[in-house]
Full PDB file with SEQRES, HELIX, SHEET, SSBOND, CRYST1, ORIGX, SCALE, CONECT and MASTER records, all heavy atoms in Angstrom:
SEQRES   1 A   40  ASP GLY VAL THR LEU GLY ASP GLY ILE VAL MET ASN ASN          
SEQRES   2 A   40  TYR ARG ASN THR LEU ASP TYR PRO VAL ILE LYS GLN THR          
SEQRES   3 A   40  GLY LEU ASP ILE ALA VAL GLY ASN ILE THR ASP MET ASN          
SEQRES   4 A   40  ILE                                                          
CRYST1    1.000    1.000    1.000  90.00  90.00  90.00 P 1           1          
ORIGX1      1.000000  0.000000  0.000000        0.00000                         
ORIGX2      0.000000  1.000000  0.000000        0.00000                         
ORIGX3      0.000000  0.000000  1.000000        0.00000                         
SCALE1      1.000000  0.000000  0.000000        0.00000                         
SCALE2      0.000000  1.000000  0.000000        0.00000                         
SCALE3      0.000000  0.000000  1.000000        0.00000                         
ATOM      1  N   ASP A   1     -39.537   0.614 -62.094  1.00  0.00           N  
ATOM      2  CA  ASP A   1     -40.062   0.133 -63.396  1.00  0.00           C  
ATOM      3  C   ASP A   1     -39.401  -1.140 -63.878  1.00  0.00           C  
ATOM      4  O   ASP A   1     -39.772  -1.647 -64.945  1.00  0.00           O  
ATOM      5  CB  ASP A   1     -39.932   1.231 -64.440  1.00  0.00           C  
ATOM      6  CG  ASP A   1     -40.783   2.446 -64.086  1.00  0.00           C  
ATOM      7  OD1 ASP A   1     -41.918   2.210 -63.630  1.00  0.00           O  
ATOM      8  OD2 ASP A   1     -40.358   3.590 -64.270  1.00  0.00           O  
ATOM      9  N   GLY A   2     -38.445  -1.689 -63.191  1.00  0.00           N  
ATOM     10  CA  GLY A   2     -37.800  -2.928 -63.664  1.00  0.00           C  
ATOM     11  C   GLY A   2     -36.560  -3.242 -62.847  1.00  0.00           C  
ATOM     12  O   GLY A   2     -35.485  -2.811 -63.180  1.00  0.00           O  
ATOM     13  N   VAL A   3     -36.704  -4.067 -61.769  1.00  0.00           N  
ATOM     14  CA  VAL A   3     -35.576  -4.395 -60.897  1.00  0.00           C  
ATOM     15  C   VAL A   3     -35.250  -5.859 -61.118  1.00  0.00           C  
ATOM     16  O   VAL A   3     -36.097  -6.747 -61.000  1.00  0.00           O  
ATOM     17  CB  VAL A   3     -35.917  -4.124 -59.429  1.00  0.00           C  
ATOM     18  CG1 VAL A   3     -34.764  -4.519 -58.536  1.00  0.00           C  
ATOM     19  CG2 VAL A   3     -36.268  -2.671 -59.207  1.00  0.00           C  
ATOM     20  N   THR A   4     -33.975  -6.138 -61.389  1.00  0.00           N  
ATOM     21  CA  THR A   4     -33.475  -7.495 -61.579  1.00  0.00           C  
ATOM     22  C   THR A   4     -32.270  -7.701 -60.680  1.00  0.00           C  
ATOM     23  O   THR A   4     -31.398  -6.866 -60.589  1.00  0.00           O  
ATOM     24  CB  THR A   4     -33.056  -7.736 -63.046  1.00  0.00           C  
ATOM     25  OG1 THR A   4     -34.198  -7.583 -63.886  1.00  0.00           O  
ATOM     26  CG2 THR A   4     -32.477  -9.137 -63.213  1.00  0.00           C  
ATOM     27  N   LEU A   5     -32.271  -8.824 -59.955  1.00  0.00           N  
ATOM     28  CA  LEU A   5     -31.135  -9.188 -59.097  1.00  0.00           C  
ATOM     29  C   LEU A   5     -30.268 -10.196 -59.863  1.00  0.00           C  
ATOM     30  O   LEU A   5     -30.750 -11.254 -60.257  1.00  0.00           O  
ATOM     31  CB  LEU A   5     -31.612  -9.821 -57.776  1.00  0.00           C  
ATOM     32  CG  LEU A   5     -32.345  -8.897 -56.810  1.00  0.00           C  
ATOM     33  CD1 LEU A   5     -32.765  -9.666 -55.574  1.00  0.00           C  
ATOM     34  CD2 LEU A   5     -31.482  -7.716 -56.405  1.00  0.00           C  
ATOM     35  N   GLY A   6     -28.991  -9.840 -60.052  1.00  0.00           N  
ATOM     36  CA  GLY A   6     -28.098 -10.724 -60.782  1.00  0.00           C  
ATOM     37  C   GLY A   6     -28.581 -10.953 -62.184  1.00  0.00           C  
ATOM     38  O   GLY A   6     -28.886 -10.031 -62.933  1.00  0.00           O  
ATOM     39  N   ASP A   7     -28.675 -12.246 -62.565  1.00  0.00           N  
ATOM     40  CA  ASP A   7     -29.137 -12.607 -63.899  1.00  0.00           C  
ATOM     41  C   ASP A   7     -30.633 -13.022 -63.921  1.00  0.00           C  
ATOM     42  O   ASP A   7     -31.067 -13.633 -64.886  1.00  0.00           O  
ATOM     43  CB  ASP A   7     -28.251 -13.730 -64.476  1.00  0.00           C  
ATOM     44  CG  ASP A   7     -26.872 -13.197 -64.796  1.00  0.00           C  
ATOM     45  OD1 ASP A   7     -26.761 -12.264 -65.602  1.00  0.00           O  
ATOM     46  OD2 ASP A   7     -25.881 -13.685 -64.212  1.00  0.00           O  
ATOM     47  N   GLY A   8     -31.345 -12.734 -62.849  1.00  0.00           N  
ATOM     48  CA  GLY A   8     -32.804 -12.840 -62.891  1.00  0.00           C  
ATOM     49  C   GLY A   8     -33.429 -14.160 -62.582  1.00  0.00           C  
ATOM     50  O   GLY A   8     -34.644 -14.342 -62.808  1.00  0.00           O  
ATOM     51  N   ILE A   9     -32.707 -15.111 -61.999  1.00  0.00           N  
ATOM     52  CA  ILE A   9     -33.323 -16.411 -61.696  1.00  0.00           C  
ATOM     53  C   ILE A   9     -34.393 -16.296 -60.603  1.00  0.00           C  
ATOM     54  O   ILE A   9     -35.347 -17.060 -60.567  1.00  0.00           O  
ATOM     55  CB  ILE A   9     -32.246 -17.423 -61.284  1.00  0.00           C  
ATOM     56  CG1 ILE A   9     -32.848 -18.843 -61.221  1.00  0.00           C  
ATOM     57  CG2 ILE A   9     -31.567 -17.040 -59.979  1.00  0.00           C  
ATOM     58  CD1 ILE A   9     -31.845 -19.934 -60.968  1.00  0.00           C  
ATOM     59  N   VAL A  10     -34.258 -15.311 -59.713  1.00  0.00           N  
ATOM     60  CA  VAL A  10     -35.204 -15.111 -58.647  1.00  0.00           C  
ATOM     61  C   VAL A  10     -36.067 -13.884 -58.880  1.00  0.00           C  
ATOM     62  O   VAL A  10     -37.295 -13.902 -58.850  1.00  0.00           O  
ATOM     63  CB  VAL A  10     -34.512 -15.002 -57.273  1.00  0.00           C  
ATOM     64  CG1 VAL A  10     -35.441 -14.469 -56.224  1.00  0.00           C  
ATOM     65  CG2 VAL A  10     -33.955 -16.375 -56.874  1.00  0.00           C  
ATOM     66  N   MET A  11     -35.430 -12.750 -59.127  1.00  0.00           N  
ATOM     67  CA  MET A  11     -36.154 -11.483 -59.392  1.00  0.00           C  
ATOM     68  C   MET A  11     -35.784 -10.952 -60.766  1.00  0.00           C  
ATOM     69  O   MET A  11     -34.599 -10.691 -61.029  1.00  0.00           O  
ATOM     70  CB  MET A  11     -35.839 -10.459 -58.321  1.00  0.00           C  
ATOM     71  CG  MET A  11     -36.567  -9.139 -58.513  1.00  0.00           C  
ATOM     72  SD  MET A  11     -36.355  -7.967 -57.128  1.00  0.00           S  
ATOM     73  CE  MET A  11     -37.320  -8.803 -55.865  1.00  0.00           C  
ATOM     74  N   ASN A  12     -36.779 -10.854 -61.631  1.00  0.00           N  
ATOM     75  CA  ASN A  12     -36.517 -10.449 -63.014  1.00  0.00           C  
ATOM     76  C   ASN A  12     -37.535  -9.395 -63.449  1.00  0.00           C  
ATOM     77  O   ASN A  12     -38.741  -9.668 -63.590  1.00  0.00           O  
ATOM     78  CB  ASN A  12     -36.597 -11.673 -63.949  1.00  0.00           C  
ATOM     79  CG  ASN A  12     -36.177 -11.331 -65.368  1.00  0.00           C  
ATOM     80  OD1 ASN A  12     -35.355 -10.460 -65.597  1.00  0.00           O  
ATOM     81  ND2 ASN A  12     -36.777 -11.999 -66.341  1.00  0.00           N  
ATOM     82  N   ASN A  13     -37.090  -8.156 -63.649  1.00  0.00           N  
ATOM     83  CA  ASN A  13     -37.925  -7.044 -64.138  1.00  0.00           C  
ATOM     84  C   ASN A  13     -39.125  -6.781 -63.188  1.00  0.00           C  
ATOM     85  O   ASN A  13     -40.204  -6.457 -63.692  1.00  0.00           O  
ATOM     86  CB  ASN A  13     -38.413  -7.333 -65.549  1.00  0.00           C  
ATOM     87  CG  ASN A  13     -37.334  -7.132 -66.587  1.00  0.00           C  
ATOM     88  OD1 ASN A  13     -36.519  -6.253 -66.483  1.00  0.00           O  
ATOM     89  ND2 ASN A  13     -37.340  -7.996 -67.578  1.00  0.00           N  
ATOM     90  N   TYR A  14     -38.915  -6.910 -61.889  1.00  0.00           N  
ATOM     91  CA  TYR A  14     -39.973  -6.566 -60.957  1.00  0.00           C  
ATOM     92  C   TYR A  14     -40.304  -5.075 -61.036  1.00  0.00           C  
ATOM     93  O   TYR A  14     -39.410  -4.259 -61.176  1.00  0.00           O  
ATOM     94  CB  TYR A  14     -39.555  -6.909 -59.511  1.00  0.00           C  
ATOM     95  CG  TYR A  14     -40.504  -6.330 -58.476  1.00  0.00           C  
ATOM     96  CD1 TYR A  14     -41.701  -6.964 -58.175  1.00  0.00           C  
ATOM     97  CD2 TYR A  14     -40.230  -5.093 -57.864  1.00  0.00           C  
ATOM     98  CE1 TYR A  14     -42.595  -6.403 -57.253  1.00  0.00           C  
ATOM     99  CE2 TYR A  14     -41.109  -4.552 -56.957  1.00  0.00           C  
ATOM    100  CZ  TYR A  14     -42.290  -5.180 -56.653  1.00  0.00           C  
ATOM    101  OH  TYR A  14     -43.147  -4.630 -55.763  1.00  0.00           O  
ATOM    102  N   ARG A  15     -41.574  -4.734 -60.950  1.00  0.00           N  
ATOM    103  CA  ARG A  15     -41.999  -3.330 -60.911  1.00  0.00           C  
ATOM    104  C   ARG A  15     -43.122  -3.152 -59.909  1.00  0.00           C  
ATOM    105  O   ARG A  15     -43.928  -4.082 -59.710  1.00  0.00           O  
ATOM    106  CB  ARG A  15     -42.396  -2.833 -62.279  1.00  0.00           C  
ATOM    107  CG  ARG A  15     -43.644  -3.491 -62.877  1.00  0.00           C  
ATOM    108  CD  ARG A  15     -43.854  -3.062 -64.302  1.00  0.00           C  
ATOM    109  NE  ARG A  15     -45.022  -3.654 -64.927  1.00  0.00           N  
ATOM    110  CZ  ARG A  15     -46.177  -3.064 -65.050  1.00  0.00           C  
ATOM    111  NH1 ARG A  15     -46.349  -1.814 -64.624  1.00  0.00           N  
ATOM    112  NH2 ARG A  15     -47.219  -3.654 -65.637  1.00  0.00           N  
ATOM    113  N   ASN A  16     -43.204  -1.992 -59.304  1.00  0.00           N  
ATOM    114  CA  ASN A  16     -44.243  -1.727 -58.328  1.00  0.00           C  
ATOM    115  C   ASN A  16     -45.288  -0.761 -58.889  1.00  0.00           C  
ATOM    116  O   ASN A  16     -46.020  -0.138 -58.123  1.00  0.00           O  
ATOM    117  CB  ASN A  16     -43.678  -1.166 -57.024  1.00  0.00           C  
ATOM    118  CG  ASN A  16     -43.016   0.208 -57.191  1.00  0.00           C  
ATOM    119  OD1 ASN A  16     -42.958   0.750 -58.306  1.00  0.00           O  
ATOM    120  ND2 ASN A  16     -42.487   0.732 -56.136  1.00  0.00           N  
ATOM    121  N   THR A  17     -45.342  -0.646 -60.209  1.00  0.00           N  
ATOM    122  CA  THR A  17     -46.248   0.296 -60.866  1.00  0.00           C  
ATOM    123  C   THR A  17     -47.413  -0.424 -61.543  1.00  0.00           C  
ATOM    124  O   THR A  17     -48.063   0.129 -62.441  1.00  0.00           O  
ATOM    125  CB  THR A  17     -45.507   1.147 -61.918  1.00  0.00           C  
ATOM    126  OG1 THR A  17     -44.851   0.249 -62.831  1.00  0.00           O  
ATOM    127  CG2 THR A  17     -44.481   2.029 -61.266  1.00  0.00           C  
ATOM    128  N   LEU A  18     -47.699  -1.656 -61.098  1.00  0.00           N  
ATOM    129  CA  LEU A  18     -48.743  -2.460 -61.772  1.00  0.00           C  
ATOM    130  C   LEU A  18     -50.099  -1.805 -61.688  1.00  0.00           C  
ATOM    131  O   LEU A  18     -50.872  -1.873 -62.621  1.00  0.00           O  
ATOM    132  CB  LEU A  18     -48.774  -3.842 -61.146  1.00  0.00           C  
ATOM    133  CG  LEU A  18     -49.460  -4.964 -61.894  1.00  0.00           C  
ATOM    134  CD1 LEU A  18     -48.765  -5.218 -63.215  1.00  0.00           C  
ATOM    135  CD2 LEU A  18     -49.520  -6.255 -61.074  1.00  0.00           C  
ATOM    136  N   ASP A  19     -50.428  -1.175 -60.535  1.00  0.00           N  
ATOM    137  CA  ASP A  19     -51.725  -0.549 -60.365  1.00  0.00           C  
ATOM    138  C   ASP A  19     -51.684   0.977 -60.473  1.00  0.00           C  
ATOM    139  O   ASP A  19     -52.615   1.674 -60.070  1.00  0.00           O  
ATOM    140  CB  ASP A  19     -52.275  -0.931 -58.957  1.00  0.00           C  
ATOM    141  CG  ASP A  19     -52.533  -2.401 -58.838  1.00  0.00           C  
ATOM    142  OD1 ASP A  19     -53.059  -3.004 -59.761  1.00  0.00           O  
ATOM    143  OD2 ASP A  19     -52.158  -2.991 -57.762  1.00  0.00           O  
ATOM    144  N   TYR A  20     -50.569   1.507 -61.002  1.00  0.00           N  
ATOM    145  CA  TYR A  20     -50.442   2.908 -61.219  1.00  0.00           C  
ATOM    146  C   TYR A  20     -51.430   3.369 -62.298  1.00  0.00           C  
ATOM    147  O   TYR A  20     -51.617   2.670 -63.267  1.00  0.00           O  
ATOM    148  CB  TYR A  20     -48.992   3.219 -61.611  1.00  0.00           C  
ATOM    149  CG  TYR A  20     -48.751   4.630 -62.052  1.00  0.00           C  
ATOM    150  CD1 TYR A  20     -48.410   5.611 -61.125  1.00  0.00           C  
ATOM    151  CD2 TYR A  20     -48.847   4.985 -63.392  1.00  0.00           C  
ATOM    152  CE1 TYR A  20     -48.153   6.917 -61.525  1.00  0.00           C  
ATOM    153  CE2 TYR A  20     -48.620   6.312 -63.819  1.00  0.00           C  
ATOM    154  CZ  TYR A  20     -48.240   7.248 -62.875  1.00  0.00           C  
ATOM    155  OH  TYR A  20     -48.025   8.540 -63.249  1.00  0.00           O  
ATOM    156  N   PRO A  21     -52.161   4.503 -62.176  1.00  0.00           N  
ATOM    157  CA  PRO A  21     -51.981   5.533 -61.138  1.00  0.00           C  
ATOM    158  C   PRO A  21     -52.964   5.455 -60.006  1.00  0.00           C  
ATOM    159  O   PRO A  21     -52.958   6.312 -59.135  1.00  0.00           O  
ATOM    160  CB  PRO A  21     -52.178   6.803 -61.921  1.00  0.00           C  
ATOM    161  CG  PRO A  21     -53.263   6.438 -62.899  1.00  0.00           C  
ATOM    162  CD  PRO A  21     -52.990   4.990 -63.263  1.00  0.00           C  
ATOM    163  N   VAL A  22     -53.902   4.472 -59.993  1.00  0.00           N  
ATOM    164  CA  VAL A  22     -54.899   4.402 -58.928  1.00  0.00           C  
ATOM    165  C   VAL A  22     -54.177   4.182 -57.589  1.00  0.00           C  
ATOM    166  O   VAL A  22     -54.500   4.806 -56.593  1.00  0.00           O  
ATOM    167  CB  VAL A  22     -55.884   3.237 -59.198  1.00  0.00           C  
ATOM    168  CG1 VAL A  22     -56.855   3.113 -58.023  1.00  0.00           C  
ATOM    169  CG2 VAL A  22     -56.634   3.499 -60.484  1.00  0.00           C  
ATOM    170  N   ILE A  23     -53.211   3.289 -57.593  1.00  0.00           N  
ATOM    171  CA  ILE A  23     -52.391   3.024 -56.388  1.00  0.00           C  
ATOM    172  C   ILE A  23     -50.943   3.339 -56.705  1.00  0.00           C  
ATOM    173  O   ILE A  23     -50.390   2.786 -57.680  1.00  0.00           O  
ATOM    174  CB  ILE A  23     -52.523   1.567 -55.925  1.00  0.00           C  
ATOM    175  CG1 ILE A  23     -53.972   1.255 -55.539  1.00  0.00           C  
ATOM    176  CG2 ILE A  23     -51.615   1.306 -54.729  1.00  0.00           C  
ATOM    177  CD1 ILE A  23     -54.210  -0.177 -55.171  1.00  0.00           C  
ATOM    178  N   LYS A  24     -50.348   4.230 -55.953  1.00  0.00           N  
ATOM    179  CA  LYS A  24     -48.939   4.554 -56.157  1.00  0.00           C  
ATOM    180  C   LYS A  24     -48.119   3.980 -55.001  1.00  0.00           C  
ATOM    181  O   LYS A  24     -48.471   4.192 -53.834  1.00  0.00           O  
ATOM    182  CB  LYS A  24     -48.728   6.076 -56.214  1.00  0.00           C  
ATOM    183  CG  LYS A  24     -49.230   6.682 -57.492  1.00  0.00           C  
ATOM    184  CD  LYS A  24     -48.838   8.158 -57.592  1.00  0.00           C  
ATOM    185  CE  LYS A  24     -49.268   8.765 -58.907  1.00  0.00           C  
ATOM    186  NZ  LYS A  24     -48.845  10.179 -59.027  1.00  0.00           N  
ATOM    187  N   GLN A  25     -47.105   3.231 -55.325  1.00  0.00           N  
ATOM    188  CA  GLN A  25     -46.267   2.613 -54.298  1.00  0.00           C  
ATOM    189  C   GLN A  25     -44.921   3.290 -54.253  1.00  0.00           C  
ATOM    190  O   GLN A  25     -44.419   3.801 -55.264  1.00  0.00           O  
ATOM    191  CB  GLN A  25     -46.093   1.128 -54.583  1.00  0.00           C  
ATOM    192  CG  GLN A  25     -47.416   0.342 -54.570  1.00  0.00           C  
ATOM    193  CD  GLN A  25     -47.207  -1.141 -54.752  1.00  0.00           C  
ATOM    194  OE1 GLN A  25     -46.145  -1.619 -55.157  1.00  0.00           O  
ATOM    195  NE2 GLN A  25     -48.227  -1.905 -54.432  1.00  0.00           N  
ATOM    196  N   THR A  26     -44.325   3.337 -53.072  1.00  0.00           N  
ATOM    197  CA  THR A  26     -43.028   3.964 -52.885  1.00  0.00           C  
ATOM    198  C   THR A  26     -41.994   2.870 -52.619  1.00  0.00           C  
ATOM    199  O   THR A  26     -41.921   2.309 -51.534  1.00  0.00           O  
ATOM    200  CB  THR A  26     -43.068   4.931 -51.690  1.00  0.00           C  
ATOM    201  OG1 THR A  26     -44.082   5.906 -51.918  1.00  0.00           O  
ATOM    202  CG2 THR A  26     -41.734   5.653 -51.545  1.00  0.00           C  
ATOM    203  N   GLY A  27     -41.207   2.575 -53.627  1.00  0.00           N  
ATOM    204  CA  GLY A  27     -40.176   1.558 -53.507  1.00  0.00           C  
ATOM    205  C   GLY A  27     -38.804   2.163 -53.373  1.00  0.00           C  
ATOM    206  O   GLY A  27     -38.590   3.361 -53.547  1.00  0.00           O  
ATOM    207  N   LEU A  28     -37.846   1.308 -53.087  1.00  0.00           N  
ATOM    208  CA  LEU A  28     -36.443   1.747 -52.944  1.00  0.00           C  
ATOM    209  C   LEU A  28     -35.559   0.750 -53.631  1.00  0.00           C  
ATOM    210  O   LEU A  28     -35.665  -0.452 -53.470  1.00  0.00           O  
ATOM    211  CB  LEU A  28     -36.084   1.829 -51.456  1.00  0.00           C  
ATOM    212  CG  LEU A  28     -34.608   2.156 -51.139  1.00  0.00           C  
ATOM    213  CD1 LEU A  28     -34.308   3.577 -51.617  1.00  0.00           C  
ATOM    214  CD2 LEU A  28     -34.336   2.035 -49.650  1.00  0.00           C  
ATOM    215  N   ASP A  29     -34.656   1.296 -54.464  1.00  0.00           N  
ATOM    216  CA  ASP A  29     -33.673   0.468 -55.167  1.00  0.00           C  
ATOM    217  C   ASP A  29     -32.310   1.125 -55.007  1.00  0.00           C  
ATOM    218  O   ASP A  29     -32.150   2.308 -55.309  1.00  0.00           O  
ATOM    219  CB  ASP A  29     -34.041   0.370 -56.682  1.00  0.00           C  
ATOM    220  CG  ASP A  29     -33.153  -0.600 -57.444  1.00  0.00           C  
ATOM    221  OD1 ASP A  29     -32.616  -1.514 -56.807  1.00  0.00           O  
ATOM    222  OD2 ASP A  29     -33.001  -0.444 -58.670  1.00  0.00           O  
ATOM    223  N   ILE A  30     -31.314   0.393 -54.468  1.00  0.00           N  
ATOM    224  CA  ILE A  30     -30.027   0.973 -54.195  1.00  0.00           C  
ATOM    225  C   ILE A  30     -28.903   0.030 -54.686  1.00  0.00           C  
ATOM    226  O   ILE A  30     -29.152  -1.167 -54.857  1.00  0.00           O  
ATOM    227  CB  ILE A  30     -29.795   1.246 -52.716  1.00  0.00           C  
ATOM    228  CG1 ILE A  30     -29.852  -0.067 -51.887  1.00  0.00           C  
ATOM    229  CG2 ILE A  30     -30.836   2.234 -52.173  1.00  0.00           C  
ATOM    230  CD1 ILE A  30     -29.415   0.114 -50.457  1.00  0.00           C  
ATOM    231  N   ALA A  31     -27.739   0.605 -54.886  1.00  0.00           N  
ATOM    232  CA  ALA A  31     -26.576  -0.227 -55.286  1.00  0.00           C  
ATOM    233  C   ALA A  31     -25.326   0.503 -54.798  1.00  0.00           C  
ATOM    234  O   ALA A  31     -25.190   1.745 -54.943  1.00  0.00           O  
ATOM    235  CB  ALA A  31     -26.502  -0.457 -56.784  1.00  0.00           C  
ATOM    236  N   VAL A  32     -24.433  -0.237 -54.195  1.00  0.00           N  
ATOM    237  CA  VAL A  32     -23.109   0.268 -53.780  1.00  0.00           C  
ATOM    238  C   VAL A  32     -22.089  -0.656 -54.392  1.00  0.00           C  
ATOM    239  O   VAL A  32     -22.220  -1.892 -54.255  1.00  0.00           O  
ATOM    240  CB  VAL A  32     -22.972   0.302 -52.256  1.00  0.00           C  
ATOM    241  CG1 VAL A  32     -21.606   0.795 -51.856  1.00  0.00           C  
ATOM    242  CG2 VAL A  32     -24.042   1.166 -51.628  1.00  0.00           C  
ATOM    243  N   GLY A  33     -21.082  -0.168 -55.052  1.00  0.00           N  
ATOM    244  CA  GLY A  33     -20.142  -1.035 -55.752  1.00  0.00           C  
ATOM    245  C   GLY A  33     -18.757  -0.481 -55.881  1.00  0.00           C  
ATOM    246  O   GLY A  33     -18.454   0.640 -55.448  1.00  0.00           O  
ATOM    247  N   ASN A  34     -17.909  -1.330 -56.517  1.00  0.00           N  
ATOM    248  CA  ASN A  34     -16.530  -0.970 -56.824  1.00  0.00           C  
ATOM    249  C   ASN A  34     -15.724  -0.562 -55.598  1.00  0.00           C  
ATOM    250  O   ASN A  34     -14.951   0.397 -55.593  1.00  0.00           O  
ATOM    251  CB  ASN A  34     -16.520   0.177 -57.873  1.00  0.00           C  
ATOM    252  CG  ASN A  34     -17.260  -0.217 -59.139  1.00  0.00           C  
ATOM    253  OD1 ASN A  34     -16.849  -1.113 -59.848  1.00  0.00           O  
ATOM    254  ND2 ASN A  34     -18.377   0.423 -59.371  1.00  0.00           N  
ATOM    255  N   ILE A  35     -15.948  -1.291 -54.490  1.00  0.00           N  
ATOM    256  CA  ILE A  35     -15.213  -1.065 -53.237  1.00  0.00           C  
ATOM    257  C   ILE A  35     -13.996  -1.992 -53.235  1.00  0.00           C  
ATOM    258  O   ILE A  35     -14.123  -3.212 -53.378  1.00  0.00           O  
ATOM    259  CB  ILE A  35     -16.129  -1.358 -52.039  1.00  0.00           C  
ATOM    260  CG1 ILE A  35     -17.394  -0.488 -52.074  1.00  0.00           C  
ATOM    261  CG2 ILE A  35     -15.355  -1.135 -50.723  1.00  0.00           C  
ATOM    262  CD1 ILE A  35     -18.374  -0.799 -51.005  1.00  0.00           C  
ATOM    263  N   THR A  36     -12.828  -1.442 -53.051  1.00  0.00           N  
ATOM    264  CA  THR A  36     -11.534  -2.133 -53.062  1.00  0.00           C  
ATOM    265  C   THR A  36     -11.271  -2.700 -54.443  1.00  0.00           C  
ATOM    266  O   THR A  36     -12.113  -2.663 -55.370  1.00  0.00           O  
ATOM    267  CB  THR A  36     -11.440  -3.245 -52.010  1.00  0.00           C  
ATOM    268  OG1 THR A  36     -12.167  -4.403 -52.421  1.00  0.00           O  
ATOM    269  CG2 THR A  36     -11.955  -2.758 -50.678  1.00  0.00           C  
ATOM    270  N   ASP A  37     -10.139  -3.330 -54.637  1.00  0.00           N  
ATOM    271  CA  ASP A  37      -9.746  -3.887 -55.936  1.00  0.00           C  
ATOM    272  C   ASP A  37     -10.586  -5.125 -56.281  1.00  0.00           C  
ATOM    273  O   ASP A  37     -10.592  -5.579 -57.439  1.00  0.00           O  
ATOM    274  CB  ASP A  37      -8.274  -4.273 -55.937  1.00  0.00           C  
ATOM    275  CG  ASP A  37      -7.361  -3.039 -55.867  1.00  0.00           C  
ATOM    276  OD1 ASP A  37      -7.850  -1.979 -56.289  1.00  0.00           O  
ATOM    277  OD2 ASP A  37      -6.215  -3.152 -55.376  1.00  0.00           O  
ATOM    278  N   MET A  38     -11.274  -5.717 -55.258  1.00  0.00           N  
ATOM    279  CA  MET A  38     -12.101  -6.878 -55.532  1.00  0.00           C  
ATOM    280  C   MET A  38     -13.505  -6.500 -55.995  1.00  0.00           C  
ATOM    281  O   MET A  38     -14.362  -7.348 -56.197  1.00  0.00           O  
ATOM    282  CB  MET A  38     -12.206  -7.719 -54.259  1.00  0.00           C  
ATOM    283  CG  MET A  38     -10.888  -8.391 -53.832  1.00  0.00           C  
ATOM    284  SD  MET A  38     -11.060  -9.297 -52.299  1.00  0.00           S  
ATOM    285  CE  MET A  38     -12.275 -10.537 -52.769  1.00  0.00           C  
ATOM    286  N   ASN A  39     -13.718  -5.205 -56.184  1.00  0.00           N  
ATOM    287  CA  ASN A  39     -15.017  -4.708 -56.668  1.00  0.00           C  
ATOM    288  C   ASN A  39     -16.198  -5.243 -55.838  1.00  0.00           C  
ATOM    289  O   ASN A  39     -17.210  -5.683 -56.371  1.00  0.00           O  
ATOM    290  CB  ASN A  39     -15.204  -5.086 -58.142  1.00  0.00           C  
ATOM    291  CG  ASN A  39     -14.179  -4.431 -59.037  1.00  0.00           C  
ATOM    292  OD1 ASN A  39     -13.799  -3.281 -58.804  1.00  0.00           O  
ATOM    293  ND2 ASN A  39     -13.696  -5.170 -60.056  1.00  0.00           N  
ATOM    294  N   ILE A  40     -16.044  -5.193 -54.519  1.00  0.00           N  
ATOM    295  CA  ILE A  40     -17.128  -5.626 -53.658  1.00  0.00           C  
ATOM    296  C   ILE A  40     -18.300  -4.658 -53.777  1.00  0.00           C  
ATOM    297  O   ILE A  40     -18.119  -3.424 -53.828  1.00  0.00           O  
ATOM    298  CB  ILE A  40     -16.628  -5.687 -52.191  1.00  0.00           C  
ATOM    299  CG1 ILE A  40     -15.502  -6.721 -52.077  1.00  0.00           C  
ATOM    300  CG2 ILE A  40     -17.756  -6.034 -51.263  1.00  0.00           C  
ATOM    301  CD1 ILE A  40     -14.854  -6.724 -50.698  1.00  0.00           C  
TER     302      ILE A  40                                                      
MASTER        0    0    0    0    0    0    0    6  301    1    0    4          
END                                                                             
């Protein structure tokens, strides 16, 4: 319902529910963080 990468210069509030409910899309959004002291 709203995916933004970083501060949104490229991807800002993208959603795959534009044609819902006639067309339902299966998206994936993941995040892995806070690895080591450098917060990779």
